[in-house]
Amino acid sequence: MEAGAVEAGAVEGAAVEAGAVEAIRAPWDGVALVCRKCGKKLEGGFGPKGRDSLRDVLRTALRGAGRRRALKVLEVKCLGLCPKGAVTVVGPHAPGQVLAVKRGTSAEAVLAALA
């Protein structure tokens, strides 16, 4: 490699150690990030009685449909966008798009929007 050239995928000026970063195959097809802070403000708001968190409702729906490994639903501290009366979600197929899921929305509707 020429002096000053940067390896593909490397950040210019950063030292690159051989084998320092390794890609590992995940057991799921995608990841959805659900804002925990938004969920706490709603105090649940999802499920048949409106007491469950969005994360729990999505996980239950995925298990019930036999698609538990299709989508990993992770609750993160805060995504920094706080819609009133809704939970912020970032899906796997459109990372630049943020969803505001309103209280009481069905798990099926959210999963369809994340697909």
C-alpha atoms as a PDB file:
ATOM      1  CA  MET A   1       0.000   0.000   0.000  1.00  0.00           C
ATOM      2  CA  GLU A   2       1.249   3.489  -0.806  1.00  0.00           C
ATOM      3  CA  ALA A   3       2.284   5.902   1.918  1.00  0.00           C
ATOM      4  CA  GLY A   4      -0.745   7.954   3.005  1.00  0.00           C
ATOM      5  CA  ALA A   5      -3.238   5.530   1.425  1.00  0.00           C
ATOM      6  CA  VAL A   6      -6.139   4.447   3.576  1.00  0.00           C
ATOM      7  CA  GLU A   7      -7.373   0.871   3.716  1.00  0.00           C
ATOM      8  CA  ALA A   8     -10.978   0.357   2.553  1.00  0.00           C
ATOM      9  CA  GLY A   9     -13.342   0.888   5.477  1.00  0.00           C
ATOM     10  CA  ALA A  10     -10.667   2.436   7.687  1.00  0.00           C
ATOM     11  CA  VAL A  11     -10.937   5.903   9.186  1.00  0.00           C
ATOM     12  CA  GLU A  12      -8.305   8.267   7.892  1.00  0.00           C
ATOM     13  CA  GLY A  13      -5.587   8.878  10.485  1.00  0.00           C
ATOM     14  CA  ALA A  14      -6.652   5.952  12.701  1.00  0.00           C
ATOM     15  CA  ALA A  15      -4.255   3.127  13.427  1.00  0.00           C
ATOM     16  CA  VAL A  16      -5.550  -0.205  12.112  1.00  0.00           C
ATOM     17  CA  GLU A  17      -4.562  -3.347  13.979  1.00  0.00           C
ATOM     18  CA  ALA A  18      -4.773  -6.585  12.048  1.00  0.00           C
ATOM     19  CA  GLY A  19      -7.594  -8.721  13.475  1.00  0.00           C
ATOM     20  CA  ALA A  20      -8.655  -6.112  16.071  1.00  0.00           C
ATOM     21  CA  VAL A  21     -12.238  -5.993  14.799  1.00  0.00           C
ATOM     22  CA  GLU A  22     -14.086  -9.086  13.690  1.00  0.00           C
ATOM     23  CA  ALA A  23     -17.577  -9.439  12.211  1.00  0.00           C
ATOM     24  CA  ILE A  24     -19.698 -12.091  13.895  1.00  0.00           C
ATOM     25  CA  ARG A  25     -22.930 -13.486  12.424  1.00  0.00           C
ATOM     26  CA  ALA A  26     -25.921 -12.552  14.586  1.00  0.00           C
ATOM     27  CA  PRO A  27     -28.681 -15.124  15.177  1.00  0.00           C
ATOM     28  CA  TRP A  28     -31.376 -12.615  14.134  1.00  0.00           C
ATOM     29  CA  ASP A  29     -32.112 -10.859  10.832  1.00  0.00           C
ATOM     30  CA  GLY A  30     -32.545  -7.311  12.151  1.00  0.00           C
ATOM     31  CA  VAL A  31     -32.525  -5.134  15.267  1.00  0.00           C
ATOM     32  CA  ALA A  32     -35.187  -2.666  16.409  1.00  0.00           C
ATOM     33  CA  LEU A  33     -34.223  -0.030  18.980  1.00  0.00           C
ATOM     34  CA  VAL A  34     -37.016   1.053  21.349  1.00  0.00           C
ATOM     35  CA  CYS A  35     -36.580   4.146  23.541  1.00  0.00           C
ATOM     36  CA  ARG A  36     -36.891   3.224  27.226  1.00  0.00           C
ATOM     37  CA  LYS A  37     -37.413   6.837  28.340  1.00  0.00           C
ATOM     38  CA  CYS A  38     -40.417   7.292  26.026  1.00  0.00           C
ATOM     39  CA  GLY A  39     -41.868   4.006  27.279  1.00  0.00           C
ATOM     40  CA  LYS A  40     -41.522   5.070  30.915  1.00  0.00           C
ATOM     41  CA  LYS A  41     -43.353   8.326  30.199  1.00  0.00           C
ATOM     42  CA  LEU A  42     -46.293   6.299  28.839  1.00  0.00           C
ATOM     43  CA  GLU A  43     -46.196   3.874  31.800  1.00  0.00           C
ATOM     44  CA  GLY A  44     -46.837   0.926  29.525  1.00  0.00           C
ATOM     45  CA  GLY A  45     -49.563   1.883  27.090  1.00  0.00           C
ATOM     46  CA  PHE A  46     -49.505  -1.265  24.969  1.00  0.00           C
ATOM     47  CA  GLY A  47     -51.042  -4.727  25.038  1.00  0.00           C
ATOM     48  CA  PRO A  48     -54.638  -5.783  25.675  1.00  0.00           C
ATOM     49  CA  LYS A  49     -54.929  -3.902  28.976  1.00  0.00           C
ATOM     50  CA  GLY A  50     -52.536  -1.071  28.115  1.00  0.00           C
ATOM     51  CA  ARG A  51     -50.080  -2.020  30.866  1.00  0.00           C
ATOM     52  CA  ASP A  52     -47.257  -3.587  28.867  1.00  0.00           C
ATOM     53  CA  SER A  53     -44.186  -1.930  27.374  1.00  0.00           C
ATOM     54  CA  LEU A  54     -43.805  -1.775  23.610  1.00  0.00           C
ATOM     55  CA  ARG A  55     -40.712  -3.974  23.839  1.00  0.00           C
ATOM     56  CA  ASP A  56     -42.614  -6.728  25.662  1.00  0.00           C
ATOM     57  CA  VAL A  57     -45.582  -6.565  23.281  1.00  0.00           C
ATOM     58  CA  LEU A  58     -43.315  -6.795  20.211  1.00  0.00           C
ATOM     59  CA  ARG A  59     -41.340  -9.710  21.649  1.00  0.00           C
ATOM     60  CA  THR A  60     -44.531 -11.588  22.530  1.00  0.00           C
ATOM     61  CA  ALA A  61     -45.974 -11.023  19.044  1.00  0.00           C
ATOM     62  CA  LEU A  62     -42.770 -12.256  17.393  1.00  0.00           C
ATOM     63  CA  ARG A  63     -42.722 -15.392  19.574  1.00  0.00           C
ATOM     64  CA  GLY A  64     -46.411 -16.057  18.880  1.00  0.00           C
ATOM     65  CA  ALA A  65     -45.837 -15.811  15.138  1.00  0.00           C
ATOM     66  CA  GLY A  66     -42.849 -18.168  15.320  1.00  0.00           C
ATOM     67  CA  ARG A  67     -40.506 -15.359  14.216  1.00  0.00           C
ATOM     68  CA  ARG A  68     -38.536 -14.923  17.443  1.00  0.00           C
ATOM     69  CA  ARG A  69     -35.217 -14.823  15.596  1.00  0.00           C
ATOM     70  CA  ALA A  70     -36.421 -12.535  12.804  1.00  0.00           C
ATOM     71  CA  LEU A  71     -36.065  -9.338  14.828  1.00  0.00           C
ATOM     72  CA  LYS A  72     -34.158  -8.539  18.021  1.00  0.00           C
ATOM     73  CA  VAL A  73     -36.024  -5.882  20.012  1.00  0.00           C
ATOM     74  CA  LEU A  74     -33.637  -3.894  22.189  1.00  0.00           C
ATOM     75  CA  GLU A  75     -34.607  -1.212  24.652  1.00  0.00           C
ATOM     76  CA  VAL A  76     -32.058   1.634  24.695  1.00  0.00           C
ATOM     77  CA  LYS A  77     -31.687   4.420  27.248  1.00  0.00           C
ATOM     78  CA  CYS A  78     -32.844   7.325  25.061  1.00  0.00           C
ATOM     79  CA  LEU A  79     -32.892   7.997  21.327  1.00  0.00           C
ATOM     80  CA  GLY A  80     -33.061  11.773  21.844  1.00  0.00           C
ATOM     81  CA  LEU A  81     -36.355  12.308  19.980  1.00  0.00           C
ATOM     82  CA  CYS A  82     -39.307  12.504  22.341  1.00  0.00           C
ATOM     83  CA  PRO A  83     -42.759  12.587  20.695  1.00  0.00           C
ATOM     84  CA  LYS A  84     -45.700  13.310  22.988  1.00  0.00           C
ATOM     85  CA  GLY A  85     -47.832  10.257  23.714  1.00  0.00           C
ATOM     86  CA  ALA A  86     -45.629   7.907  21.678  1.00  0.00           C
ATOM     87  CA  VAL A  87     -42.508   5.725  21.825  1.00  0.00           C
ATOM     88  CA  THR A  88     -39.565   6.303  19.469  1.00  0.00           C
ATOM     89  CA  VAL A  89     -38.427   3.239  17.502  1.00  0.00           C
ATOM     90  CA  VAL A  90     -35.616   2.795  14.967  1.00  0.00           C
ATOM     91  CA  GLY A  91     -35.993  -0.195  12.658  1.00  0.00           C
ATOM     92  CA  PRO A  92     -33.459  -2.361  10.860  1.00  0.00           C
ATOM     93  CA  HIS A  93     -34.333  -1.592   7.242  1.00  0.00           C
ATOM     94  CA  ALA A  94     -34.489   2.207   7.424  1.00  0.00           C
ATOM     95  CA  PRO A  95     -31.972   3.413  10.033  1.00  0.00           C
ATOM     96  CA  GLY A  96     -32.411   7.026   8.924  1.00  0.00           C
ATOM     97  CA  GLN A  97     -36.146   6.827   9.618  1.00  0.00           C
ATOM     98  CA  VAL A  98     -37.527   7.098  13.153  1.00  0.00           C
ATOM     99  CA  LEU A  99     -41.000   5.817  14.010  1.00  0.00           C
ATOM    100  CA  ALA A 100     -43.227   7.435  16.649  1.00  0.00           C
ATOM    101  CA  VAL A 101     -45.496   4.631  17.874  1.00  0.00           C
ATOM    102  CA  LYS A 102     -48.597   6.015  19.586  1.00  0.00           C
ATOM    103  CA  ARG A 103     -50.033   4.523  22.756  1.00  0.00           C
ATOM    104  CA  GLY A 104     -52.297   1.554  22.079  1.00  0.00           C
ATOM    105  CA  THR A 105     -50.915   0.737  18.607  1.00  0.00           C
ATOM    106  CA  SER A 106     -51.077  -3.014  17.923  1.00  0.00           C
ATOM    107  CA  ALA A 107     -47.882  -5.043  17.754  1.00  0.00           C
ATOM    108  CA  GLU A 108     -48.848  -6.228  14.267  1.00  0.00           C
ATOM    109  CA  ALA A 109     -49.046  -2.642  12.991  1.00  0.00           C
ATOM    110  CA  VAL A 110     -45.631  -1.809  14.464  1.00  0.00           C
ATOM    111  CA  LEU A 111     -44.036  -4.962  13.028  1.00  0.00           C
ATOM    112  CA  ALA A 112     -45.524  -4.160   9.611  1.00  0.00           C
ATOM    113  CA  ALA A 113     -44.013  -0.650   9.781  1.00  0.00           C
ATOM    114  CA  LEU A 114     -40.626  -2.127  10.732  1.00  0.00           C
ATOM    115  CA  ALA A 115     -40.663  -4.617   7.828  1.00  0.00           C
END
